[in-house]
Structures are given as C-alpha cells and as structure tokens.
C-alpha cells in the first residue's frame, strides 16, 4: 500500500479564454500550486465555495484534466499515464451525473459495470449481492434507473462505484437533493464500509451533516489554494462560528445568562430561548438546569457555507 493514496505537489491548472479577435485573452487559475496528501483510510472533506477549484482538482486526480504544472499521484499512480489502472482502484460518485444506464434496469447496470471491470462471475455476484443487501436495493433492481427516486438512484450510484472494490472513493455532492432519511441511510452505509474495508473517502459537499458524520479531516480550498487543513472543530473555532442551543422551557423564563453561553434571543415570553455555545454542551445544560426546566432542546450546527465565508474573510487582506 502506498504511503499516500492521494498526493499532489505544486498542482496548478489554468484556463485561457481568448477574445473575439483571437488575441486578447483572460487567464483564470482554477487550482494554484496545491499540495495535498491523503493517507490510506482517511476520510477527508474537501470543501469551498463554488468555483474554488474542487471539481478541477478531482478531474486532475482522475486524469480527466491535464495539469498546467505540478505533479499528481492517485493510488500511487500517474493518472495521466495510467488512467485505466487508476480507474480500477478508484470509485467516483457525482451527485448530478450518473454512471448508470438510464433506460436499463438497475441490476443490469451493475452487471455491465462488473463486465467493464472484468470481474469473474462469482466475484461479481458476491459483490453485487452484498451491496444490494447493505444499500437496500433489492426492491427495485428490475426497475429502469430513470424510474428511481433521487435517494434510490444515489444508493445505486454508490453500489456501482464500489463494484470493483476500490481503494479510494471520491464523492462529489453525494447527498444533494436527498431527504433526511435518504441522507441518513447513505451516511450510515459509508461509515460501515470504511470500518469494514478501510476505504479512503474524499468528499466534496455543502452539507454540514455530511462533514460531521463522515469526515475526520477538513480541507478548505479558496481560489485553488488550501485555506485550512484540520478538524471540523478546529475550523469552527478558527472562524468563531458557534453552535446554537435552542431550549423549549416549561414556563416563561427571564433571559438565561449562564457561563459558557451567550443569550441570543427569546420567544413566547421566554418559553423558547436561543443560546450561542462557547463551552461544551453538557456544562451549559447543567448550568441551565439550575435556572429552568427544559422540555425539549435542539442544537443548530454552523452552516458550512457561513463557516467557509468567514474563513475566506479572515484570510483575505482588508481593503
């Protein structure tokens, strides 16, 4: 096994747009001297604003785009020189682009993909059977892909990407548009797959739930450069974005002022109160319990786009 399943050094990709007369041109740098290293078994969230360079990076990792400069290794291989070999070791799921055959039954798509990867019949049957069971695909294997709901199709896409038992799974916005239950099912499967097989995940998403449940490490990219590399808690702490505790109390209560939290707002004469957390939740709840009786509570996580925006604002010089 390679030391790094993904490694880039000075990876750069520029795009040139020429003017109408063929002379004037605009050069856009999508990825700018990116140094990226992901170890086998890691689960990494690769996040940033639209146009930050995420999709361009993925395309270079897969050998779809040629870097302007720098080097890239995916599963220890040069993806340009050995694109087919990379494809045998990497699975990719694009949330808005299907790798399944639209008019064919879902099960037939899996059979075709097994043939594409030249899997022996016995191996193909075993893998398909396992994935169908774990992803709960059995009820619609005979239905054309175009008749599947979005949640059903995304589970089928994940099954398709794992038919060849890849070392690395790249997920590009896999839960976009999914309902809460579909997101939960998909996340639980991916967590189990990592635990059982040591699968490496590289995930791009705008969903904080994806990042929280699936990612041990966060890479934030801004204009093609790494703006942050660390844990989610460290990222939230860096930019000052905090979780908000929403309390439903048993009776109208004056604004709660407790150590480890800042009162934000009250509703219904104090029946519902919102506190910004500056300390661990159990400590704040213990302090609240001394002053009020809590009937229900929820914790609102920072919005991922807000966290990224704050990071961008901190990293850019003021004008």
Protein backbone atom coordinates (compact mmCIF):
# COMPACT_ATOMS: atom_id res chain seq x y z
CA UNK A 1 0.00 0.00 0.00
CA UNK A 2 1.30 3.47 -0.88
CA UNK A 3 2.20 5.99 1.84
CA UNK A 4 -0.28 8.48 0.35
CA UNK A 5 -3.31 7.42 -1.62
CA UNK A 6 -3.54 10.97 -3.00
CA UNK A 7 -0.53 13.24 -3.36
CA UNK A 8 -0.11 16.48 -5.27
CA UNK A 9 2.86 18.83 -5.37
CA UNK A 10 2.51 22.34 -6.74
CA UNK A 11 -0.55 21.22 -8.70
CA UNK A 12 -1.75 24.05 -10.93
CA UNK A 13 -4.39 24.33 -13.62
CA UNK A 14 -5.13 27.48 -15.59
CA UNK A 15 -7.76 28.09 -18.25
CA UNK A 16 -7.30 30.55 -21.10
CA UNK A 17 -10.27 32.34 -22.63
CA UNK A 18 -9.43 34.14 -25.85
CA UNK A 19 -11.14 37.28 -27.10
CA UNK A 20 -13.21 37.51 -30.26
CA UNK A 21 -10.18 38.54 -32.33
CA UNK A 22 -8.07 35.63 -31.07
CA UNK A 23 -5.52 37.94 -29.47
CA UNK A 24 -6.87 39.30 -26.21
CA UNK A 25 -7.12 36.61 -23.58
CA UNK A 26 -8.09 36.08 -19.97
CA UNK A 27 -6.19 33.58 -17.83
CA UNK A 28 -8.08 32.02 -14.92
CA UNK A 29 -6.26 29.95 -12.31
CA UNK A 30 -8.61 27.24 -11.02
CA UNK A 31 -6.03 25.33 -8.95
CA UNK A 32 -2.97 27.20 -7.70
CA UNK A 33 0.12 25.29 -6.52
CA UNK A 34 -1.92 22.84 -4.47
CA UNK A 35 -0.05 20.50 -2.12
CA UNK A 36 -2.37 17.72 -1.00
CA UNK A 37 -1.64 14.46 0.81
CA UNK A 38 -4.23 11.91 1.90
CA UNK A 39 -3.20 8.73 3.70
CA UNK A 40 -4.91 5.37 3.13
CA UNK A 41 -8.03 5.01 5.26
CA UNK A 42 -8.56 8.73 5.84
CA UNK A 43 -11.94 10.39 5.38
CA UNK A 44 -11.44 13.91 4.07
CA UNK A 45 -13.94 16.65 3.37
CA UNK A 46 -12.78 18.88 0.51
CA UNK A 47 -14.91 21.99 0.73
CA UNK A 48 -15.06 25.51 -0.59
CA UNK A 49 -17.25 27.98 -2.43
CA UNK A 50 -18.46 27.27 -5.95
CA UNK A 51 -15.56 27.94 -8.31
CA UNK A 52 -12.94 27.37 -5.60
CA UNK A 53 -11.25 24.58 -7.59
CA UNK A 54 -12.76 21.42 -6.10
CA UNK A 55 -14.11 19.82 -9.28
CA UNK A 56 -10.99 20.78 -11.23
CA UNK A 57 -8.86 19.04 -8.60
CA UNK A 58 -10.94 15.87 -8.82
CA UNK A 59 -10.70 15.82 -12.61
CA UNK A 60 -6.90 16.04 -12.39
CA UNK A 61 -6.82 13.27 -9.77
CA UNK A 62 -8.69 11.05 -12.23
CA UNK A 63 -6.62 12.00 -15.29
CA UNK A 64 -9.54 13.76 -16.98
CA UNK A 65 -7.74 17.13 -16.99
CA UNK A 66 -4.04 17.73 -17.66
CA UNK A 67 -2.31 19.92 -15.04
CA UNK A 68 -0.71 23.12 -16.27
CA UNK A 69 2.17 22.40 -13.87
CA UNK A 70 2.97 20.34 -10.81
CA UNK A 71 2.58 16.64 -10.16
CA UNK A 72 -0.27 14.38 -9.09
CA UNK A 73 -0.35 10.78 -7.89
CA UNK A 74 -3.58 8.89 -7.27
CA UNK A 75 -3.34 5.47 -5.56
CA UNK A 76 0.38 5.76 -6.21
CA UNK A 77 -0.01 6.15 -9.98
CA UNK A 78 0.27 8.94 -12.54
CA UNK A 79 -3.39 9.35 -13.57
CA UNK A 80 -2.46 10.70 -16.99
CA UNK A 81 -0.10 7.90 -17.95
CA UNK A 82 -2.13 5.15 -16.25
CA UNK A 83 -5.70 6.37 -16.31
CA UNK A 84 -7.21 2.90 -16.73
CA UNK A 85 -5.21 1.50 -13.83
CA UNK A 86 -6.34 4.41 -11.65
CA UNK A 87 -9.97 3.77 -12.64
CA UNK A 88 -9.63 0.17 -11.41
CA UNK A 89 -8.63 1.39 -7.95
CA UNK A 90 -10.87 4.45 -7.58
CA UNK A 91 -14.64 4.79 -7.41
CA UNK A 92 -16.35 8.10 -8.18
CA UNK A 93 -19.87 9.31 -7.43
CA UNK A 94 -21.07 12.60 -8.91
CA UNK A 95 -24.30 13.79 -7.31
CA UNK A 96 -25.63 15.31 -10.53
CA UNK A 97 -24.10 12.95 -13.10
CA UNK A 98 -25.00 9.26 -13.43
CA UNK A 99 -22.73 6.34 -14.26
CA UNK A 100 -25.77 4.07 -14.63
CA UNK A 101 -27.63 3.28 -17.86
CA UNK A 102 -30.77 5.40 -17.74
CA UNK A 103 -33.15 3.07 -19.58
CA UNK A 104 -31.81 -0.23 -18.25
CA UNK A 105 -32.85 -2.00 -15.04
CA UNK A 106 -30.63 -1.10 -12.09
CA UNK A 107 -29.44 -4.69 -11.73
CA UNK A 108 -28.41 -4.79 -15.39
CA UNK A 109 -26.29 -1.65 -14.91
CA UNK A 110 -24.41 -3.38 -12.10
CA UNK A 111 -23.85 -6.42 -14.34
CA UNK A 112 -22.44 -4.23 -17.13
CA UNK A 113 -20.10 -2.45 -14.71
CA UNK A 114 -18.87 -5.82 -13.43
CA UNK A 115 -18.07 -6.77 -17.03
CA UNK A 116 -16.34 -3.43 -17.66
CA UNK A 117 -14.07 -4.12 -14.67
CA UNK A 118 -13.59 -7.74 -15.85
CA UNK A 119 -14.79 -9.26 -12.60
CA UNK A 120 -15.16 -13.05 -12.55
CA UNK A 121 -18.82 -14.07 -12.42
CA UNK A 122 -18.59 -15.46 -8.89
CA UNK A 123 -16.89 -12.30 -7.61
CA UNK A 124 -19.41 -10.07 -9.37
CA UNK A 125 -22.35 -11.97 -7.87
CA UNK A 126 -20.87 -11.84 -4.37
CA UNK A 127 -20.13 -8.10 -4.52
CA UNK A 128 -23.44 -7.18 -6.11
CA UNK A 129 -25.31 -9.29 -3.57
CA UNK A 130 -23.53 -7.65 -0.65
CA UNK A 131 -24.04 -4.11 -1.95
CA UNK A 132 -27.69 -4.74 -2.85
CA UNK A 133 -28.35 -6.01 0.66
CA UNK A 134 -26.44 -3.30 2.52
CA UNK A 135 -27.80 -0.44 0.39
CA UNK A 136 -31.34 -1.87 0.33
CA UNK A 137 -31.57 -2.03 -3.46
CA UNK A 138 -33.43 -5.33 -3.77
CA UNK A 139 -36.92 -3.91 -4.33
CA UNK A 140 -36.00 -2.02 -7.48
CA UNK A 141 -33.26 -3.98 -9.24
CA UNK A 142 -35.71 -4.67 -12.09
CA UNK A 143 -36.78 -1.04 -12.46
CA UNK A 144 -35.14 1.26 -15.04
CA UNK A 145 -32.82 3.80 -13.46
CA UNK A 146 -34.95 6.65 -14.80
CA UNK A 147 -37.85 5.46 -12.61
CA UNK A 148 -35.89 5.58 -9.35
CA UNK A 149 -36.31 8.32 -6.79
CA UNK A 150 -33.26 10.50 -6.18
CA UNK A 151 -32.45 8.69 -2.93
CA UNK A 152 -32.77 5.28 -4.58
CA UNK A 153 -30.60 6.34 -7.51
CA UNK A 154 -27.86 7.71 -5.26
CA UNK A 155 -27.66 4.42 -3.36
CA UNK A 156 -27.45 2.63 -6.71
CA UNK A 157 -24.69 5.04 -7.81
CA UNK A 158 -22.69 4.21 -4.68
CA UNK A 159 -23.16 0.49 -5.33
CA UNK A 160 -21.93 0.98 -8.90
CA UNK A 161 -18.85 2.88 -7.71
CA UNK A 162 -17.93 0.08 -5.29
CA UNK A 163 -18.48 -2.95 -7.55
CA UNK A 164 -14.74 -3.21 -8.23
CA UNK A 165 -13.73 -2.77 -4.54
CA UNK A 166 -11.76 0.47 -4.99
CA UNK A 167 -9.16 1.72 -2.52
CA UNK A 168 -10.41 5.31 -2.83
CA UNK A 169 -13.98 6.56 -3.16
CA UNK A 170 -14.49 10.13 -4.38
CA UNK A 171 -17.93 11.56 -3.63
CA UNK A 172 -18.90 14.84 -5.27
CA UNK A 173 -22.03 16.26 -3.54
CA UNK A 174 -23.50 12.78 -2.96
CA UNK A 175 -26.43 13.90 -0.78
CA UNK A 176 -27.53 16.95 -2.76
CA UNK A 177 -31.32 17.00 -3.01
CA UNK A 178 -31.82 13.95 -0.78
CA UNK A 179 -34.40 13.85 2.01
CA UNK A 180 -33.33 13.36 5.63
CA UNK A 181 -33.90 9.58 5.67
CA UNK A 182 -32.02 9.01 2.40
CA UNK A 183 -29.08 11.05 3.68
CA UNK A 184 -29.02 9.06 6.90
CA UNK A 185 -29.06 5.69 5.10
CA UNK A 186 -26.25 6.69 2.76
CA UNK A 187 -24.07 8.10 5.55
CA UNK A 188 -24.55 5.01 7.72
CA UNK A 189 -23.53 2.75 4.84
CA UNK A 190 -20.38 4.75 4.13
CA UNK A 191 -19.40 4.74 7.81
CA UNK A 192 -19.79 0.95 7.91
CA UNK A 193 -17.89 0.50 4.63
CA UNK A 194 -14.94 2.45 5.98
CA UNK A 195 -14.94 0.47 9.22
CA UNK A 196 -15.09 -2.90 7.45
CA UNK A 197 -12.82 -2.30 4.45
CA UNK A 198 -10.58 0.61 5.39
CA UNK A 199 -11.94 2.56 2.42
CA UNK A 200 -10.48 6.03 1.86
CA UNK A 201 -13.07 8.77 1.29
CA UNK A 202 -12.62 12.13 -0.43
CA UNK A 203 -15.86 14.08 -0.17
CA UNK A 204 -16.95 17.42 -1.60
CA UNK A 205 -20.15 18.78 -0.10
CA UNK A 206 -22.08 21.83 1.07
CA UNK A 207 -23.91 19.77 3.71
CA UNK A 208 -22.63 20.19 7.26
CA UNK A 209 -24.23 16.86 8.18
CA UNK A 210 -22.02 15.07 5.62
CA UNK A 211 -18.92 16.72 7.03
CA UNK A 212 -19.85 16.00 10.64
CA UNK A 213 -20.76 12.34 10.16
CA UNK A 214 -18.25 11.29 7.52
CA UNK A 215 -15.11 13.43 7.70
CA UNK A 216 -12.25 13.24 10.20
CA UNK A 217 -10.30 15.92 8.36
CA UNK A 218 -11.36 19.07 6.55
CA UNK A 219 -9.55 20.75 3.66
CA UNK A 220 -10.90 24.15 2.66
CA UNK A 221 -9.82 25.43 -0.74
CA UNK A 222 -10.02 29.08 -1.78
CA UNK A 223 -9.16 30.13 -5.34
CA UNK A 224 -7.33 26.85 -5.82
CA UNK A 225 -5.20 27.13 -2.69
CA UNK A 226 -5.50 25.38 0.66
CA UNK A 227 -7.02 27.83 3.15
CA UNK A 228 -7.40 25.35 6.02
CA UNK A 229 -6.39 21.78 6.88
CA UNK A 230 -7.59 20.27 10.15
CA UNK A 231 -10.61 19.00 12.07
CA UNK A 232 -14.13 20.42 11.86
CA UNK A 233 -13.97 21.62 15.48
CA UNK A 234 -10.71 23.43 14.75
CA UNK A 235 -12.23 25.04 11.65
CA UNK A 236 -15.31 26.25 13.52
CA UNK A 237 -13.12 27.51 16.36
CA UNK A 238 -10.80 29.33 13.95
CA UNK A 239 -13.57 31.41 12.39
CA UNK A 240 -15.62 31.90 15.55
CA UNK A 241 -18.75 30.21 14.22
CA UNK A 242 -20.57 28.62 17.13
CA UNK A 243 -23.32 26.12 17.70
CA UNK A 244 -26.67 27.48 18.86
CA UNK A 245 -28.65 25.77 21.63
CA UNK A 246 -32.42 26.14 21.25
CA UNK A 247 -34.31 25.50 24.50
CA UNK A 248 -38.03 24.92 24.96
CA UNK A 249 -38.82 25.58 28.63
CA UNK A 250 -41.77 24.53 30.76
CA UNK A 251 -42.76 28.10 31.65
CA UNK A 252 -41.96 31.70 30.65
CA UNK A 253 -38.49 32.45 31.95
CA UNK A 254 -36.30 35.58 32.04
CA UNK A 255 -33.41 35.61 29.58
CA UNK A 256 -30.97 32.90 30.62
CA UNK A 257 -27.46 34.15 31.38
CA UNK A 258 -25.19 31.18 32.09
CA UNK A 259 -21.46 30.57 31.97
CA UNK A 260 -20.29 29.09 28.69
CA UNK A 261 -23.08 30.55 26.57
CA UNK A 262 -24.33 33.87 25.27
CA UNK A 263 -28.05 34.65 25.16
CA UNK A 264 -29.18 35.45 21.62
CA UNK A 265 -32.97 35.71 21.66
CA UNK A 266 -36.19 34.74 23.44
CA UNK A 267 -39.64 33.91 22.07
CA UNK A 268 -43.05 33.46 23.65
CA UNK A 269 -42.17 35.44 26.74
CA UNK A 270 -39.14 33.27 27.37
CA UNK A 271 -40.68 29.86 26.65
CA UNK A 272 -38.13 29.36 23.86
CA UNK A 273 -34.60 30.70 24.17
CA UNK A 274 -31.54 30.60 21.92
CA UNK A 275 -28.03 30.47 23.36
CA UNK A 276 -24.72 30.59 21.48
CA UNK A 277 -22.43 27.90 22.88
CA UNK A 278 -18.91 28.86 23.97
CA UNK A 279 -18.37 25.76 26.13
CA UNK A 280 -19.13 22.02 25.93
CA UNK A 281 -22.86 21.28 25.76
CA UNK A 282 -23.09 19.20 29.00
CA UNK A 283 -21.58 22.04 31.01
CA UNK A 284 -24.03 24.57 29.61
CA UNK A 285 -27.02 22.26 30.12
CA UNK A 286 -26.02 21.71 33.74
CA UNK A 287 -25.96 25.48 34.27
CA UNK A 288 -29.33 25.87 32.55
CA UNK A 289 -30.86 23.12 34.72
CA UNK A 290 -30.13 25.20 37.82
CA UNK A 291 -32.33 28.00 36.48
CA UNK A 292 -35.07 26.38 34.38
CA UNK A 293 -36.79 23.12 33.45
CA UNK A 294 -36.10 22.10 29.85
CA UNK A 295 -38.92 20.34 27.97
CA UNK A 296 -37.03 19.95 24.69
CA UNK A 297 -33.82 21.10 23.07
CA UNK A 298 -32.06 21.14 19.72
CA UNK A 299 -28.56 22.14 18.69
CA UNK A 300 -28.17 24.09 15.47
CA UNK A 301 -24.81 23.50 13.83
CA UNK A 302 -22.98 26.28 11.98
CA UNK A 303 -23.87 26.42 8.31
CA UNK A 304 -20.93 25.16 6.28
CA UNK A 305 -21.17 27.98 3.75
CA UNK A 306 -21.10 30.52 6.59
CA UNK A 307 -18.04 28.84 8.10
CA UNK A 308 -16.23 28.89 4.76
CA UNK A 309 -17.24 32.51 4.12
CA UNK A 310 -15.84 33.57 7.49
CA UNK A 311 -12.60 31.72 6.79
CA UNK A 312 -12.27 33.46 3.43
CA UNK A 313 -12.87 36.84 5.05
CA UNK A 314 -10.19 36.18 7.67
CA UNK A 315 -7.62 35.02 5.12
CA UNK A 316 -8.04 37.92 2.70
CA UNK A 317 -6.45 41.31 3.37
CA UNK A 318 -8.91 44.08 4.16
CA UNK A 319 -9.27 46.85 1.58
